[in-house]
Protein backbone atom coordinates (compact mmCIF):
# COMPACT_ATOMS: atom_id res chain seq x y z
CA TRP A 1 -17.18 -4.33 20.50
CA ASP A 2 -17.63 -7.00 17.82
CA GLU A 3 -14.68 -5.67 15.83
CA THR A 4 -12.51 -6.44 18.86
CA HIS A 5 -14.01 -9.94 18.91
CA PHE A 6 -13.70 -10.90 15.22
CA GLY A 7 -10.52 -8.95 14.53
CA LYS A 8 -8.86 -11.00 17.26
CA MET A 9 -10.07 -14.20 15.58
CA GLY A 10 -8.62 -13.01 12.28
CA SER A 11 -5.31 -12.63 14.12
CA TYR A 12 -5.66 -16.19 15.45
CA TYR A 13 -5.82 -17.50 11.87
CA ILE A 14 -2.77 -15.49 10.83
CA ASN A 15 -0.87 -16.81 13.88
CA ARG A 16 -2.37 -20.30 13.44
CA THR A 17 -3.56 -20.24 17.07
CA PHE A 18 -6.41 -22.62 17.90
CA PHE A 19 -9.61 -21.04 19.32
CA PHE A 20 -13.26 -21.94 19.79
CA ASP A 21 -16.28 -19.84 18.77
CA VAL A 22 -20.05 -20.34 18.55
CA HIS A 23 -20.13 -19.36 14.87
CA PRO A 24 -18.90 -21.50 11.95
CA PRO A 25 -15.42 -20.54 10.71
CA LEU A 26 -15.85 -19.06 7.21
CA GLY A 27 -16.36 -15.39 8.16
CA LYS A 28 -13.36 -15.28 10.50
CA MET A 29 -11.19 -17.17 7.99
CA LEU A 30 -12.03 -14.60 5.29
CA ILE A 31 -11.24 -11.73 7.68
CA GLY A 32 -7.91 -13.39 8.53
CA LEU A 33 -7.15 -13.96 4.85
CA ALA A 34 -7.95 -10.32 4.00
CA GLY A 35 -5.62 -9.16 6.79
CA TYR A 36 -2.84 -11.53 5.70
CA LEU A 37 -3.05 -10.46 2.04
CA SER A 38 -3.07 -6.76 2.96
CA GLY A 39 0.04 -7.01 5.15
CA TYR A 40 -1.45 -7.28 8.65
CA ASP A 41 0.87 -9.41 10.81
CA GLY A 42 -1.64 -10.53 13.45
CA THR A 43 0.12 -8.79 16.36
CA PHE A 44 -2.56 -6.28 17.42
CA PRO A 45 -3.96 -7.50 20.80
CA PHE A 46 -7.62 -6.46 20.32
CA GLN A 47 -7.95 -6.14 24.11
CA LYS A 48 -10.83 -3.67 24.39
CA PRO A 49 -13.12 -1.72 22.03
CA GLY A 50 -11.77 1.64 20.91
CA ASP A 51 -8.06 0.82 21.17
CA ARG A 52 -6.08 2.71 18.52
CA TYR A 53 -4.52 0.54 15.82
CA GLU A 54 -1.48 2.84 15.63
CA GLN A 55 0.97 1.34 13.10
CA HIS A 56 -0.97 -1.92 12.61
CA ASN A 57 -2.39 -2.37 9.13
CA TYR A 58 -6.12 -2.94 9.73
CA ILE A 59 -7.34 -1.26 6.53
CA GLY A 60 -7.38 -4.49 4.50
CA MET A 61 -9.78 -6.23 6.89
CA ARG A 62 -12.13 -3.26 7.07
CA GLY A 63 -11.87 -2.71 3.33
CA PHE A 64 -12.77 -6.33 2.63
CA CYS A 65 -15.92 -6.07 4.78
CA ALA A 66 -16.80 -2.71 3.21
CA PHE A 67 -16.44 -4.19 -0.30
CA LEU A 68 -18.80 -7.07 0.50
CA GLY A 69 -21.22 -4.60 2.10
CA SER A 70 -21.16 -2.45 -1.04
CA CYS A 71 -22.08 -5.51 -3.14
CA LEU A 72 -25.47 -5.57 -1.40
CA VAL A 73 -26.60 -2.60 -3.50
CA PRO A 74 -26.17 -4.24 -6.96
CA PHE A 75 -27.46 -7.54 -5.54
CA ALA A 76 -30.66 -5.87 -4.34
CA TYR A 77 -30.98 -3.93 -7.62
CA LEU A 78 -30.63 -7.06 -9.78
CA THR A 79 -32.97 -9.13 -7.57
CA VAL A 80 -35.79 -6.58 -7.67
CA LEU A 81 -35.24 -5.95 -11.38
CA GLU A 82 -35.55 -9.69 -12.06
CA LEU A 83 -38.67 -10.06 -9.91
CA SER A 84 -40.54 -6.91 -10.94
CA LYS A 85 -39.10 -6.15 -14.40
CA SER A 86 -39.40 -2.53 -13.24
CA LEU A 87 -36.37 -0.24 -13.51
CA PRO A 88 -37.85 2.42 -11.15
CA ALA A 89 -38.52 -0.26 -8.49
CA ALA A 90 -34.96 -1.63 -8.80
CA LEU A 91 -33.42 1.85 -8.63
CA LEU A 92 -35.55 2.76 -5.59
CA THR A 93 -34.37 -0.41 -3.83
CA ALA A 94 -30.73 0.38 -4.62
CA PHE A 95 -31.04 3.99 -3.37
CA ILE A 96 -32.75 2.85 -0.16
CA LEU A 97 -29.76 0.61 0.59
CA ILE A 98 -27.16 3.19 -0.49
CA PHE A 99 -28.51 5.72 2.01
CA ASP A 100 -29.31 3.23 4.79
CA THR A 101 -27.33 4.24 7.88
CA GLY A 102 -27.47 0.74 9.40
CA CYS A 103 -26.08 -0.90 6.26
CA ILE A 104 -23.28 1.66 5.99
CA THR A 105 -22.37 1.30 9.68
CA LEU A 106 -22.35 -2.51 9.61
CA SER A 107 -20.20 -2.54 6.47
CA GLN A 108 -17.38 -0.27 7.62
CA TYR A 109 -16.06 -2.37 10.51
CA ILE A 110 -14.46 -5.81 10.89
CA LEU A 111 -17.72 -7.72 11.44
CA LEU A 112 -19.37 -10.94 10.26
CA ASP A 113 -22.57 -9.08 9.27
CA PRO A 114 -21.50 -7.74 5.84
CA ILE A 115 -20.03 -11.16 4.96
CA LEU A 116 -23.24 -12.90 6.05
CA MET A 117 -25.47 -10.44 4.16
CA PHE A 118 -23.31 -10.85 1.04
CA PHE A 119 -23.98 -14.60 0.96
CA LEU A 120 -27.64 -14.24 1.99
CA MET A 121 -28.43 -11.77 -0.79
CA GLY A 122 -26.20 -13.68 -3.21
CA ALA A 123 -28.28 -16.81 -2.54
CA VAL A 124 -31.55 -14.94 -3.12
CA LEU A 125 -30.24 -13.36 -6.35
CA SER A 126 -28.98 -16.74 -7.62
CA MET A 127 -32.32 -18.38 -6.78
CA VAL A 128 -34.28 -15.67 -8.61
CA LYS A 129 -31.96 -15.90 -11.63
CA CYS A 130 -32.33 -19.69 -11.67
CA ASN A 131 -36.13 -19.31 -11.58
CA SER A 132 -35.92 -17.05 -14.64
CA CYS A 133 -34.21 -19.92 -16.51
CA ALA A 134 -37.09 -22.33 -15.75
CA ASP A 135 -38.16 -22.34 -19.41
CA ARG A 136 -34.76 -23.75 -20.44
CA PRO A 137 -33.86 -26.34 -17.77
CA PHE A 138 -30.43 -28.04 -17.87
CA SER A 139 -28.98 -25.21 -19.97
CA ALA A 140 -25.55 -23.81 -19.06
CA SER A 141 -27.06 -20.70 -17.42
CA TRP A 142 -29.58 -22.83 -15.46
CA TRP A 143 -26.79 -25.05 -14.07
CA PHE A 144 -24.65 -21.99 -13.32
CA TRP A 145 -27.28 -20.20 -11.24
CA LEU A 146 -28.42 -23.40 -9.50
CA SER A 147 -24.83 -24.25 -8.54
CA LEU A 148 -24.13 -20.67 -7.46
CA THR A 149 -27.21 -20.83 -5.22
CA GLY A 150 -25.69 -23.88 -3.53
CA VAL A 151 -22.33 -22.14 -3.11
CA ASN A 152 -24.01 -19.10 -1.53
CA LEU A 153 -26.05 -21.33 0.79
CA ALA A 154 -22.80 -22.91 2.02
CA GLY A 155 -21.32 -19.44 2.46
CA ALA A 156 -24.30 -18.18 4.47
CA MET A 157 -24.27 -21.25 6.74
CA GLY A 158 -20.48 -21.07 7.04
CA VAL A 159 -20.55 -17.52 8.44
CA LYS A 160 -23.45 -17.77 10.93
CA PHE A 161 -26.19 -20.30 11.61
CA VAL A 162 -28.69 -17.51 10.87
CA GLY A 163 -27.90 -18.48 7.25
CA LEU A 164 -30.25 -21.45 7.74
CA PHE A 165 -33.15 -19.06 7.15
CA VAL A 166 -32.10 -18.52 3.54
CA VAL A 167 -31.71 -22.31 3.24
CA LEU A 168 -35.37 -22.53 4.32
CA LEU A 169 -36.36 -19.91 1.71
CA VAL A 170 -34.53 -21.71 -1.12
CA GLY A 171 -35.92 -25.05 0.12
CA LEU A 172 -39.53 -23.81 -0.06
CA ASN A 173 -38.88 -22.34 -3.52
CA THR A 174 -37.39 -25.68 -4.65
CA ILE A 175 -40.41 -27.65 -3.35
CA TYR A 176 -42.71 -25.28 -5.24
CA ASP A 177 -40.64 -25.73 -8.44
CA LEU A 178 -40.61 -29.52 -8.17
CA TRP A 179 -44.35 -29.62 -7.48
CA ASP A 180 -44.86 -27.53 -10.62
CA VAL A 181 -42.67 -29.90 -12.66
CA LEU A 182 -44.49 -32.95 -11.26
CA GLY A 183 -47.83 -31.41 -12.21
CA ASN A 184 -46.72 -30.87 -15.82
CA LEU A 185 -48.30 -33.89 -17.53
CA SER A 186 -46.21 -33.36 -20.66
CA LEU A 187 -43.06 -34.33 -18.74
CA SER A 188 -42.19 -37.94 -17.90
CA LEU A 189 -41.31 -39.22 -14.43
CA VAL A 190 -37.75 -39.74 -15.70
CA MET A 191 -37.49 -36.01 -16.44
CA PHE A 192 -38.90 -35.24 -13.00
CA GLY A 193 -36.22 -37.53 -11.54
CA LYS A 194 -33.54 -35.54 -13.39
CA HIS A 195 -34.90 -32.28 -11.98
CA LEU A 196 -34.93 -33.77 -8.47
CA LEU A 197 -31.39 -35.16 -8.80
CA ALA A 198 -30.04 -31.82 -10.10
CA ARG A 199 -31.43 -29.99 -7.09
CA VAL A 200 -30.19 -32.62 -4.64
CA LEU A 201 -26.68 -32.33 -6.10
CA CYS A 202 -26.54 -28.51 -6.29
CA LEU A 203 -28.60 -27.50 -3.24
CA ILE A 204 -27.80 -30.29 -0.74
CA VAL A 205 -24.64 -32.22 -1.67
CA LEU A 206 -22.61 -29.21 -2.92
CA PRO A 207 -23.36 -26.93 0.10
CA LEU A 208 -22.68 -29.75 2.58
CA ALA A 209 -19.39 -30.61 0.84
CA LEU A 210 -18.27 -26.96 0.92
CA TYR A 211 -19.41 -26.55 4.55
CA THR A 212 -17.39 -29.61 5.56
CA ALA A 213 -14.37 -28.33 3.59
CA MET A 214 -14.45 -25.07 5.58
CA PHE A 215 -13.92 -27.02 8.80
CA ALA A 216 -11.18 -29.09 7.18
CA VAL A 217 -9.32 -25.87 6.34
CA HIS A 218 -10.09 -24.47 9.82
CA PHE A 219 -8.49 -27.44 11.61
CA ALA A 220 -5.58 -27.63 9.15
CA VAL A 221 -4.65 -23.95 9.64
CA LEU A 222 -5.09 -23.76 13.43
CA ASN A 223 -2.38 -26.19 14.51
CA LYS A 224 -0.95 -24.27 17.51
CA SER A 225 -2.18 -24.32 21.11
CA GLY A 226 -4.52 -21.48 22.04
CA PRO A 227 -7.55 -20.42 24.12
CA GLY A 228 -9.84 -23.03 22.53
CA ASP A 229 -7.91 -26.15 23.60
CA GLY A 230 -10.00 -26.90 26.69
CA PHE A 231 -13.19 -27.44 24.68
CA PHE A 232 -11.71 -30.51 22.98
CA SER A 233 -10.52 -33.97 23.95
CA SER A 234 -7.03 -34.85 25.17
CA ALA A 235 -6.43 -36.77 21.94
CA PHE A 236 -7.20 -33.65 19.92
CA GLN A 237 -5.05 -31.43 22.16
CA SER A 238 -2.08 -33.77 21.66
CA GLN A 239 -2.01 -32.67 17.99
CA LEU A 240 -1.66 -28.96 18.82
CA ILE A 241 1.87 -27.52 18.79
CA GLY A 242 2.70 -25.96 22.17
CA ASN A 243 0.04 -27.81 24.14
CA ASN A 244 1.15 -29.66 27.30
CA LEU A 245 -0.11 -32.89 25.74
CA HIS A 246 1.57 -32.35 22.33
CA ASN A 247 2.83 -35.69 20.97
CA VAL A 248 2.14 -37.43 24.33
CA SER A 249 1.35 -41.12 23.97
CA ILE A 250 -2.31 -41.53 24.97
CA PRO A 251 -3.92 -44.95 25.52
CA GLU A 252 -6.91 -45.78 23.31
């Protein structure tokens, strides 16, 4: 059922048709982009679950989701290896995911779930890697993993609001880190300020900037009238090509 839902939204992006959905736009934009790059023309109606695709090229969208779903295995392996320093534990984790029926099923269809899980686990892996660089703060690798954590947080929030849970996890980890730095009497308050500023920039400002940019792209691409018009003001509808109010002069 959900493939009918999100596949249709991917078609909306390809056709530049405006729509409204409860989830943020990143996941659907990526599905639309995968379809566009793989030759899908956005003409399949997605009317009801189980309809045959016939000659429509849907493989690129499913393949994209399957690729992101397959990335969960190395992400889980590397996260557990970093946390436990145990190769058997990391391999066991990877094998559990490889043979997990739910993970395989979620990853083989055009769904938001594999995209969401990719960013969620990417954020956790980045956070764990950044923690491992705690003994060399402000090094290139430390900045890289801290920034990548912020990027993944934006990605998780940009697919579904459930991504806020990983924001909470990273936030608690950051508070713990800063408390540890503050308690280190060998470091000055200026150094603590640098640590605080780095985290504000990478874990708050960067994700918010990327999250806002997703909506900027969303509104720039969807410039034609569609099923989402009625949720927005007359002034907004006047900007949509094909809408009854398009280019109508509206009093302030």
